[in-house]
Amino acid sequence: MVDQSLLDILVCPETKQSLRVADVALLERVNASVRAGSLTNRGGQRVATPVEAGLVRNDGTVLYPVRDDIPIMLIDESIPLSQTQ
């Protein structure tokens, strides 16, 4: 997962809000939507791979996936949580 010292300096590239680590319940909800084929990122691409870890914007509306311990901090790669079940 993301090192705490890195998490302390990372912010949402869009709003500059702080981020927190996504909890297990949220990741399960996101991955249920991935399995259902109903989840798209903000760039409009379908999310086809389960999300193993993520960072959630402080307002709780957007998740930035973490792949191979690297946060993907691109706005188009972020996932709007309003799409999850």
PDB file of N, CA and C in Angstrom:
ATOM      1  N   MET A   1       0.837  -1.183   0.000  1.00  0.00           N
ATOM      2  CA  MET A   1       0.000   0.000   0.000  1.00  0.00           C
ATOM      3  C   MET A   1       0.882   1.247   0.000  1.00  0.00           C
ATOM      4  N   VAL A   2       0.259   2.368  -0.055  1.00  0.00           N
ATOM      5  CA  VAL A   2       0.964   3.646  -0.127  1.00  0.00           C
ATOM      6  C   VAL A   2       1.581   3.982   1.231  1.00  0.00           C
ATOM      7  N   ASP A   3       2.841   4.344   1.208  1.00  0.00           N
ATOM      8  CA  ASP A   3       3.563   4.745   2.405  1.00  0.00           C
ATOM      9  C   ASP A   3       2.902   5.998   3.006  1.00  0.00           C
ATOM     10  N   GLN A   4       2.812   6.044   4.328  1.00  0.00           N
ATOM     11  CA  GLN A   4       2.147   7.163   5.006  1.00  0.00           C
ATOM     12  C   GLN A   4       2.802   8.508   4.686  1.00  0.00           C
ATOM     13  N   SER A   5       4.124   8.528   4.551  1.00  0.00           N
ATOM     14  CA  SER A   5       4.786   9.800   4.241  1.00  0.00           C
ATOM     15  C   SER A   5       4.386  10.312   2.859  1.00  0.00           C
ATOM     16  N   LEU A   6       4.149   9.398   1.922  1.00  0.00           N
ATOM     17  CA  LEU A   6       3.670   9.798   0.591  1.00  0.00           C
ATOM     18  C   LEU A   6       2.213  10.243   0.676  1.00  0.00           C
ATOM     19  N   LEU A   7       1.413   9.500   1.412  1.00  0.00           N
ATOM     20  CA  LEU A   7       0.003   9.857   1.563  1.00  0.00           C
ATOM     21  C   LEU A   7      -0.160  11.241   2.189  1.00  0.00           C
ATOM     22  N   ASP A   8       0.742  11.601   3.078  1.00  0.00           N
ATOM     23  CA  ASP A   8       0.676  12.911   3.733  1.00  0.00           C
ATOM     24  C   ASP A   8       0.848  14.075   2.762  1.00  0.00           C
ATOM     25  N   ILE A   9       1.524  13.846   1.635  1.00  0.00           N
ATOM     26  CA  ILE A   9       1.755  14.949   0.688  1.00  0.00           C
ATOM     27  C   ILE A   9       0.892  14.861  -0.569  1.00  0.00           C
ATOM     28  N   LEU A  10       0.275  13.698  -0.812  1.00  0.00           N
ATOM     29  CA  LEU A  10      -0.579  13.568  -1.995  1.00  0.00           C
ATOM     30  C   LEU A  10      -1.899  14.304  -1.793  1.00  0.00           C
ATOM     31  N   VAL A  11      -2.382  14.922  -2.854  1.00  0.00           N
ATOM     32  CA  VAL A  11      -3.702  15.554  -2.862  1.00  0.00           C
ATOM     33  C   VAL A  11      -4.374  15.229  -4.187  1.00  0.00           C
ATOM     34  N   CYS A  12      -5.667  15.413  -4.231  1.00  0.00           N
ATOM     35  CA  CYS A  12      -6.409  15.234  -5.475  1.00  0.00           C
ATOM     36  C   CYS A  12      -5.907  16.265  -6.488  1.00  0.00           C
ATOM     37  N   PRO A  13      -5.549  15.829  -7.692  1.00  0.00           N
ATOM     38  CA  PRO A  13      -5.046  16.783  -8.685  1.00  0.00           C
ATOM     39  C   PRO A  13      -6.108  17.766  -9.180  1.00  0.00           C
ATOM     40  N   GLU A  14      -7.357  17.430  -8.968  1.00  0.00           N
ATOM     41  CA  GLU A  14      -8.442  18.284  -9.439  1.00  0.00           C
ATOM     42  C   GLU A  14      -8.834  19.343  -8.407  1.00  0.00           C
ATOM     43  N   THR A  15      -9.030  18.915  -7.161  1.00  0.00           N
ATOM     44  CA  THR A  15      -9.559  19.825  -6.139  1.00  0.00           C
ATOM     45  C   THR A  15      -8.552  20.178  -5.046  1.00  0.00           C
ATOM     46  N   LYS A  16      -7.438  19.479  -5.028  1.00  0.00           N
ATOM     47  CA  LYS A  16      -6.391  19.647  -4.008  1.00  0.00           C
ATOM     48  C   LYS A  16      -6.845  19.200  -2.620  1.00  0.00           C
ATOM     49  N   GLN A  17      -7.929  18.425  -2.551  1.00  0.00           N
ATOM     50  CA  GLN A  17      -8.370  17.863  -1.277  1.00  0.00           C
ATOM     51  C   GLN A  17      -7.418  16.751  -0.857  1.00  0.00           C
ATOM     52  N   SER A  18      -7.365  16.494   0.434  1.00  0.00           N
ATOM     53  CA  SER A  18      -6.541  15.399   0.927  1.00  0.00           C
ATOM     54  C   SER A  18      -7.172  14.058   0.542  1.00  0.00           C
ATOM     55  N   LEU A  19      -6.386  13.006   0.715  1.00  0.00           N
ATOM     56  CA  LEU A  19      -6.808  11.657   0.340  1.00  0.00           C
ATOM     57  C   LEU A  19      -6.669  10.734   1.536  1.00  0.00           C
ATOM     58  N   ARG A  20      -7.459   9.668   1.520  1.00  0.00           N
ATOM     59  CA  ARG A  20      -7.347   8.630   2.546  1.00  0.00           C
ATOM     60  C   ARG A  20      -7.360   7.268   1.853  1.00  0.00           C
ATOM     61  N   VAL A  21      -6.875   6.279   2.531  1.00  0.00           N
ATOM     62  CA  VAL A  21      -6.842   4.929   1.986  1.00  0.00           C
ATOM     63  C   VAL A  21      -8.264   4.370   1.973  1.00  0.00           C
ATOM     64  N   ALA A  22      -8.650   3.752   0.864  1.00  0.00           N
ATOM     65  CA  ALA A  22      -9.972   3.144   0.747  1.00  0.00           C
ATOM     66  C   ALA A  22     -10.063   1.926   1.659  1.00  0.00           C
ATOM     67  N   ASP A  23     -11.166   1.809   2.375  1.00  0.00           N
ATOM     68  CA  ASP A  23     -11.331   0.664   3.267  1.00  0.00           C
ATOM     69  C   ASP A  23     -11.842  -0.557   2.488  1.00  0.00           C
ATOM     70  N   VAL A  24     -11.820  -1.694   3.133  1.00  0.00           N
ATOM     71  CA  VAL A  24     -12.189  -2.960   2.498  1.00  0.00           C
ATOM     72  C   VAL A  24     -13.624  -2.931   1.984  1.00  0.00           C
ATOM     73  N   ALA A  25     -14.546  -2.370   2.760  1.00  0.00           N
ATOM     74  CA  ALA A  25     -15.955  -2.330   2.344  1.00  0.00           C
ATOM     75  C   ALA A  25     -16.128  -1.529   1.058  1.00  0.00           C
ATOM     76  N   LEU A  26     -15.435  -0.417   0.939  1.00  0.00           N
ATOM     77  CA  LEU A  26     -15.525   0.393  -0.275  1.00  0.00           C
ATOM     78  C   LEU A  26     -14.945  -0.350  -1.460  1.00  0.00           C
ATOM     79  N   LEU A  27     -13.806  -0.996  -1.271  1.00  0.00           N
ATOM     80  CA  LEU A  27     -13.198  -1.748  -2.371  1.00  0.00           C
ATOM     81  C   LEU A  27     -14.100  -2.892  -2.819  1.00  0.00           C
ATOM     82  N   GLU A  28     -14.785  -3.531  -1.881  1.00  0.00           N
ATOM     83  CA  GLU A  28     -15.731  -4.593  -2.243  1.00  0.00           C
ATOM     84  C   GLU A  28     -16.878  -4.027  -3.075  1.00  0.00           C
ATOM     85  N   ARG A  29     -17.371  -2.863  -2.690  1.00  0.00           N
ATOM     86  CA  ARG A  29     -18.455  -2.210  -3.439  1.00  0.00           C
ATOM     87  C   ARG A  29     -17.996  -1.844  -4.851  1.00  0.00           C
ATOM     88  N   VAL A  30     -16.794  -1.275  -4.963  1.00  0.00           N
ATOM     89  CA  VAL A  30     -16.237  -0.923  -6.274  1.00  0.00           C
ATOM     90  C   VAL A  30     -16.081  -2.171  -7.129  1.00  0.00           C
ATOM     91  N   ASN A  31     -15.539  -3.227  -6.547  1.00  0.00           N
ATOM     92  CA  ASN A  31     -15.288  -4.439  -7.327  1.00  0.00           C
ATOM     93  C   ASN A  31     -16.566  -5.172  -7.706  1.00  0.00           C
ATOM     94  N   ALA A  32     -17.633  -5.016  -6.934  1.00  0.00           N
ATOM     95  CA  ALA A  32     -18.932  -5.563  -7.339  1.00  0.00           C
ATOM     96  C   ALA A  32     -19.388  -4.877  -8.632  1.00  0.00           C
ATOM     97  N   SER A  33     -19.162  -3.573  -8.717  1.00  0.00           N
ATOM     98  CA  SER A  33     -19.514  -2.830  -9.928  1.00  0.00           C
ATOM     99  C   SER A  33     -18.601  -3.206 -11.099  1.00  0.00           C
ATOM    100  N   VAL A  34     -17.333  -3.493 -10.810  1.00  0.00           N
ATOM    101  CA  VAL A  34     -16.415  -3.956 -11.862  1.00  0.00           C
ATOM    102  C   VAL A  34     -16.927  -5.279 -12.414  1.00  0.00           C
ATOM    103  N   ARG A  35     -17.267  -6.223 -11.532  1.00  0.00           N
ATOM    104  CA  ARG A  35     -17.762  -7.530 -11.974  1.00  0.00           C
ATOM    105  C   ARG A  35     -19.060  -7.407 -12.769  1.00  0.00           C
ATOM    106  N   ALA A  36     -19.891  -6.448 -12.409  1.00  0.00           N
ATOM    107  CA  ALA A  36     -21.160  -6.230 -13.112  1.00  0.00           C
ATOM    108  C   ALA A  36     -20.950  -5.547 -14.462  1.00  0.00           C
ATOM    109  N   GLY A  37     -19.737  -5.034 -14.695  1.00  0.00           N
ATOM    110  CA  GLY A  37     -19.452  -4.353 -15.954  1.00  0.00           C
ATOM    111  C   GLY A  37     -20.055  -2.964 -16.044  1.00  0.00           C
ATOM    112  N   SER A  38     -20.397  -2.383 -14.894  1.00  0.00           N
ATOM    113  CA  SER A  38     -21.106  -1.105 -14.910  1.00  0.00           C
ATOM    114  C   SER A  38     -20.251   0.084 -14.484  1.00  0.00           C
ATOM    115  N   LEU A  39     -18.951  -0.124 -14.319  1.00  0.00           N
ATOM    116  CA  LEU A  39     -18.106   0.929 -13.793  1.00  0.00           C
ATOM    117  C   LEU A  39     -17.216   1.513 -14.885  1.00  0.00           C
ATOM    118  N   THR A  40     -17.217   2.834 -14.999  1.00  0.00           N
ATOM    119  CA  THR A  40     -16.319   3.513 -15.934  1.00  0.00           C
ATOM    120  C   THR A  40     -15.517   4.551 -15.170  1.00  0.00           C
ATOM    121  N   ASN A  41     -14.315   4.830 -15.663  1.00  0.00           N
ATOM    122  CA  ASN A  41     -13.517   5.885 -15.036  1.00  0.00           C
ATOM    123  C   ASN A  41     -13.951   7.232 -15.600  1.00  0.00           C
ATOM    124  N   ARG A  42     -13.374   8.297 -15.121  1.00  0.00           N
ATOM    125  CA  ARG A  42     -13.799   9.630 -15.546  1.00  0.00           C
ATOM    126  C   ARG A  42     -13.402   9.928 -16.977  1.00  0.00           C
ATOM    127  N   GLY A  43     -12.509   9.133 -17.542  1.00  0.00           N
ATOM    128  CA  GLY A  43     -12.153   9.263 -18.949  1.00  0.00           C
ATOM    129  C   GLY A  43     -13.133   8.544 -19.855  1.00  0.00           C
ATOM    130  N   GLY A  44     -14.111   7.843 -19.266  1.00  0.00           N
ATOM    131  CA  GLY A  44     -15.134   7.152 -20.040  1.00  0.00           C
ATOM    132  C   GLY A  44     -14.808   5.710 -20.374  1.00  0.00           C
ATOM    133  N   GLN A  45     -13.679   5.189 -19.909  1.00  0.00           N
ATOM    134  CA  GLN A  45     -13.315   3.801 -20.194  1.00  0.00           C
ATOM    135  C   GLN A  45     -13.870   2.886 -19.114  1.00  0.00           C
ATOM    136  N   ARG A  46     -14.337   1.712 -19.554  1.00  0.00           N
ATOM    137  CA  ARG A  46     -14.853   0.727 -18.609  1.00  0.00           C
ATOM    138  C   ARG A  46     -13.713   0.206 -17.741  1.00  0.00           C
ATOM    139  N   VAL A  47     -13.964   0.110 -16.446  1.00  0.00           N
ATOM    140  CA  VAL A  47     -12.988  -0.467 -15.523  1.00  0.00           C
ATOM    141  C   VAL A  47     -13.214  -1.972 -15.547  1.00  0.00           C
ATOM    142  N   ALA A  48     -12.241  -2.715 -16.092  1.00  0.00           N
ATOM    143  CA  ALA A  48     -12.399  -4.152 -16.272  1.00  0.00           C
ATOM    144  C   ALA A  48     -11.594  -4.977 -15.276  1.00  0.00           C
ATOM    145  N   THR A  49     -10.627  -4.360 -14.621  1.00  0.00           N
ATOM    146  CA  THR A  49      -9.754  -5.060 -13.685  1.00  0.00           C
ATOM    147  C   THR A  49     -10.145  -4.708 -12.259  1.00  0.00           C
ATOM    148  N   PRO A  50     -10.247  -5.700 -11.372  1.00  0.00           N
ATOM    149  CA  PRO A  50     -10.570  -5.390  -9.980  1.00  0.00           C
ATOM    150  C   PRO A  50      -9.576  -4.393  -9.380  1.00  0.00           C
ATOM    151  N   VAL A  51     -10.075  -3.563  -8.508  1.00  0.00           N
ATOM    152  CA  VAL A  51      -9.255  -2.559  -7.831  1.00  0.00           C
ATOM    153  C   VAL A  51      -8.793  -3.163  -6.505  1.00  0.00           C
ATOM    154  N   GLU A  52      -7.488  -3.354  -6.371  1.00  0.00           N
ATOM    155  CA  GLU A  52      -6.938  -3.975  -5.163  1.00  0.00           C
ATOM    156  C   GLU A  52      -6.711  -2.974  -4.040  1.00  0.00           C
ATOM    157  N   ALA A  53      -6.464  -1.715  -4.404  1.00  0.00           N
ATOM    158  CA  ALA A  53      -6.242  -0.661  -3.417  1.00  0.00           C
ATOM    159  C   ALA A  53      -6.596   0.669  -4.068  1.00  0.00           C
ATOM    160  N   GLY A  54      -6.866   1.657  -3.243  1.00  0.00           N
ATOM    161  CA  GLY A  54      -7.211   2.962  -3.794  1.00  0.00           C
ATOM    162  C   GLY A  54      -7.123   4.057  -2.756  1.00  0.00           C
ATOM    163  N   LEU A  55      -7.133   5.279  -3.257  1.00  0.00           N
ATOM    164  CA  LEU A  55      -7.147   6.470  -2.412  1.00  0.00           C
ATOM    165  C   LEU A  55      -8.435   7.224  -2.689  1.00  0.00           C
ATOM    166  N   VAL A  56      -9.121   7.598  -1.639  1.00  0.00           N
ATOM    167  CA  VAL A  56     -10.407   8.275  -1.759  1.00  0.00           C
ATOM    168  C   VAL A  56     -10.220   9.748  -1.435  1.00  0.00           C
ATOM    169  N   ARG A  57     -10.805  10.581  -2.290  1.00  0.00           N
ATOM    170  CA  ARG A  57     -10.782  12.019  -2.038  1.00  0.00           C
ATOM    171  C   ARG A  57     -11.548  12.312  -0.758  1.00  0.00           C
ATOM    172  N   ASN A  58     -11.144  13.349  -0.045  1.00  0.00           N
ATOM    173  CA  ASN A  58     -11.713  13.700   1.251  1.00  0.00           C
ATOM    174  C   ASN A  58     -13.239  13.817   1.230  1.00  0.00           C
ATOM    175  N   ASP A  59     -13.815  14.278   0.126  1.00  0.00           N
ATOM    176  CA  ASP A  59     -15.276  14.407   0.062  1.00  0.00           C
ATOM    177  C   ASP A  59     -15.979  13.078  -0.221  1.00  0.00           C
ATOM    178  N   GLY A  60     -15.203  12.002  -0.429  1.00  0.00           N
ATOM    179  CA  GLY A  60     -15.764  10.667  -0.607  1.00  0.00           C
ATOM    180  C   GLY A  60     -16.404  10.397  -1.952  1.00  0.00           C
ATOM    181  N   THR A  61     -16.158  11.235  -2.948  1.00  0.00           N
ATOM    182  CA  THR A  61     -16.839  11.069  -4.226  1.00  0.00           C
ATOM    183  C   THR A  61     -15.994  10.421  -5.322  1.00  0.00           C
ATOM    184  N   VAL A  62     -14.681  10.357  -5.135  1.00  0.00           N
ATOM    185  CA  VAL A  62     -13.790   9.882  -6.191  1.00  0.00           C
ATOM    186  C   VAL A  62     -12.721   8.959  -5.596  1.00  0.00           C
ATOM    187  N   LEU A  63     -12.420   7.890  -6.326  1.00  0.00           N
ATOM    188  CA  LEU A  63     -11.359   6.971  -5.931  1.00  0.00           C
ATOM    189  C   LEU A  63     -10.263   6.976  -6.987  1.00  0.00           C
ATOM    190  N   TYR A  64      -9.027   7.114  -6.537  1.00  0.00           N
ATOM    191  CA  TYR A  64      -7.865   6.983  -7.415  1.00  0.00           C
ATOM    192  C   TYR A  64      -7.285   5.598  -7.184  1.00  0.00           C
ATOM    193  N   PRO A  65      -7.229   4.754  -8.213  1.00  0.00           N
ATOM    194  CA  PRO A  65      -6.709   3.399  -8.011  1.00  0.00           C
ATOM    195  C   PRO A  65      -5.216   3.405  -7.696  1.00  0.00           C
ATOM    196  N   VAL A  66      -4.799   2.380  -6.978  1.00  0.00           N
ATOM    197  CA  VAL A  66      -3.386   2.155  -6.691  1.00  0.00           C
ATOM    198  C   VAL A  66      -3.033   0.829  -7.354  1.00  0.00           C
ATOM    199  N   ARG A  67      -2.059   0.869  -8.254  1.00  0.00           N
ATOM    200  CA  ARG A  67      -1.626  -0.342  -8.968  1.00  0.00           C
ATOM    201  C   ARG A  67      -0.155  -0.601  -8.675  1.00  0.00           C
ATOM    202  N   ASP A  68       0.154  -1.795  -8.226  1.00  0.00           N
ATOM    203  CA  ASP A  68       1.535  -2.154  -7.891  1.00  0.00           C
ATOM    204  C   ASP A  68       2.146  -1.142  -6.927  1.00  0.00           C
ATOM    205  N   ASP A  69       1.373  -0.740  -5.925  1.00  0.00           N
ATOM    206  CA  ASP A  69       1.785   0.227  -4.900  1.00  0.00           C
ATOM    207  C   ASP A  69       2.039   1.634  -5.435  1.00  0.00           C
ATOM    208  N   ILE A  70       1.557   1.932  -6.639  1.00  0.00           N
ATOM    209  CA  ILE A  70       1.732   3.253  -7.236  1.00  0.00           C
ATOM    210  C   ILE A  70       0.356   3.911  -7.404  1.00  0.00           C
ATOM    211  N   PRO A  71       0.115   5.026  -6.729  1.00  0.00           N
ATOM    212  CA  PRO A  71      -1.164   5.730  -6.902  1.00  0.00           C
ATOM    213  C   PRO A  71      -1.255   6.309  -8.315  1.00  0.00           C
ATOM    214  N   ILE A  72      -2.366   6.065  -8.972  1.00  0.00           N
ATOM    215  CA  ILE A  72      -2.606   6.588 -10.314  1.00  0.00           C
ATOM    216  C   ILE A  72      -3.400   7.886 -10.138  1.00  0.00           C
ATOM    217  N   MET A  73      -2.684   8.995 -10.149  1.00  0.00           N
ATOM    218  CA  MET A  73      -3.266  10.286  -9.801  1.00  0.00           C
ATOM    219  C   MET A  73      -3.661  11.098 -11.040  1.00  0.00           C
ATOM    220  N   LEU A  74      -4.227  10.437 -12.023  1.00  0.00           N
ATOM    221  CA  LEU A  74      -4.708  11.110 -13.229  1.00  0.00           C
ATOM    222  C   LEU A  74      -6.225  11.256 -13.122  1.00  0.00           C
ATOM    223  N   ILE A  75      -6.727  12.428 -13.387  1.00  0.00           N
ATOM    224  CA  ILE A  75      -8.165  12.678 -13.263  1.00  0.00           C
ATOM    225  C   ILE A  75      -8.964  11.707 -14.125  1.00  0.00           C
ATOM    226  N   ASP A  76      -8.534  11.458 -15.354  1.00  0.00           N
ATOM    227  CA  ASP A  76      -9.263  10.547 -16.249  1.00  0.00           C
ATOM    228  C   ASP A  76      -9.262   9.101 -15.764  1.00  0.00           C
ATOM    229  N   GLU A  77      -8.304   8.715 -14.927  1.00  0.00           N
ATOM    230  CA  GLU A  77      -8.234   7.358 -14.392  1.00  0.00           C
ATOM    231  C   GLU A  77      -9.027   7.205 -13.094  1.00  0.00           C
ATOM    232  N   SER A  78      -9.457   8.316 -12.521  1.00  0.00           N
ATOM    233  CA  SER A  78     -10.202   8.243 -11.262  1.00  0.00           C
ATOM    234  C   SER A  78     -11.589   7.665 -11.510  1.00  0.00           C
ATOM    235  N   ILE A  79     -12.154   7.109 -10.436  1.00  0.00           N
ATOM    236  CA  ILE A  79     -13.437   6.426 -10.531  1.00  0.00           C
ATOM    237  C   ILE A  79     -14.466   7.184  -9.678  1.00  0.00           C
ATOM    238  N   PRO A  80     -15.546   7.666 -10.311  1.00  0.00           N
ATOM    239  CA  PRO A  80     -16.602   8.324  -9.544  1.00  0.00           C
ATOM    240  C   PRO A  80     -17.355   7.280  -8.696  1.00  0.00           C
ATOM    241  N   LEU A  81     -17.379   7.466  -7.411  1.00  0.00           N
ATOM    242  CA  LEU A  81     -17.998   6.480  -6.522  1.00  0.00           C
ATOM    243  C   LEU A  81     -19.508   6.488  -6.589  1.00  0.00           C
ATOM    244  N   SER A  82     -20.091   7.465  -7.226  1.00  0.00           N
ATOM    245  CA  SER A  82     -21.540   7.505  -7.398  1.00  0.00           C
ATOM    246  C   SER A  82     -22.033   6.347  -8.271  1.00  0.00           C
ATOM    247  N   GLN A  83     -21.136   5.724  -9.032  1.00  0.00           N
ATOM    248  CA  GLN A  83     -21.499   4.596  -9.892  1.00  0.00           C
ATOM    249  C   GLN A  83     -21.558   3.270  -9.161  1.00  0.00           C
ATOM    250  N   THR A  84     -21.032   3.208  -7.947  1.00  0.00           N
ATOM    251  CA  THR A  84     -20.960   1.932  -7.244  1.00  0.00           C
ATOM    252  C   THR A  84     -22.276   1.605  -6.569  1.00  0.00           C
ATOM    253  N   GLN A  85     -22.488   0.342  -6.387  1.00  0.00           N
ATOM    254  CA  GLN A  85     -23.760  -0.141  -5.835  1.00  0.00           C
ATOM    255  C   GLN A  85     -23.779  -0.070  -4.329  1.00  0.00           C
TER     256      GLN A  85
END
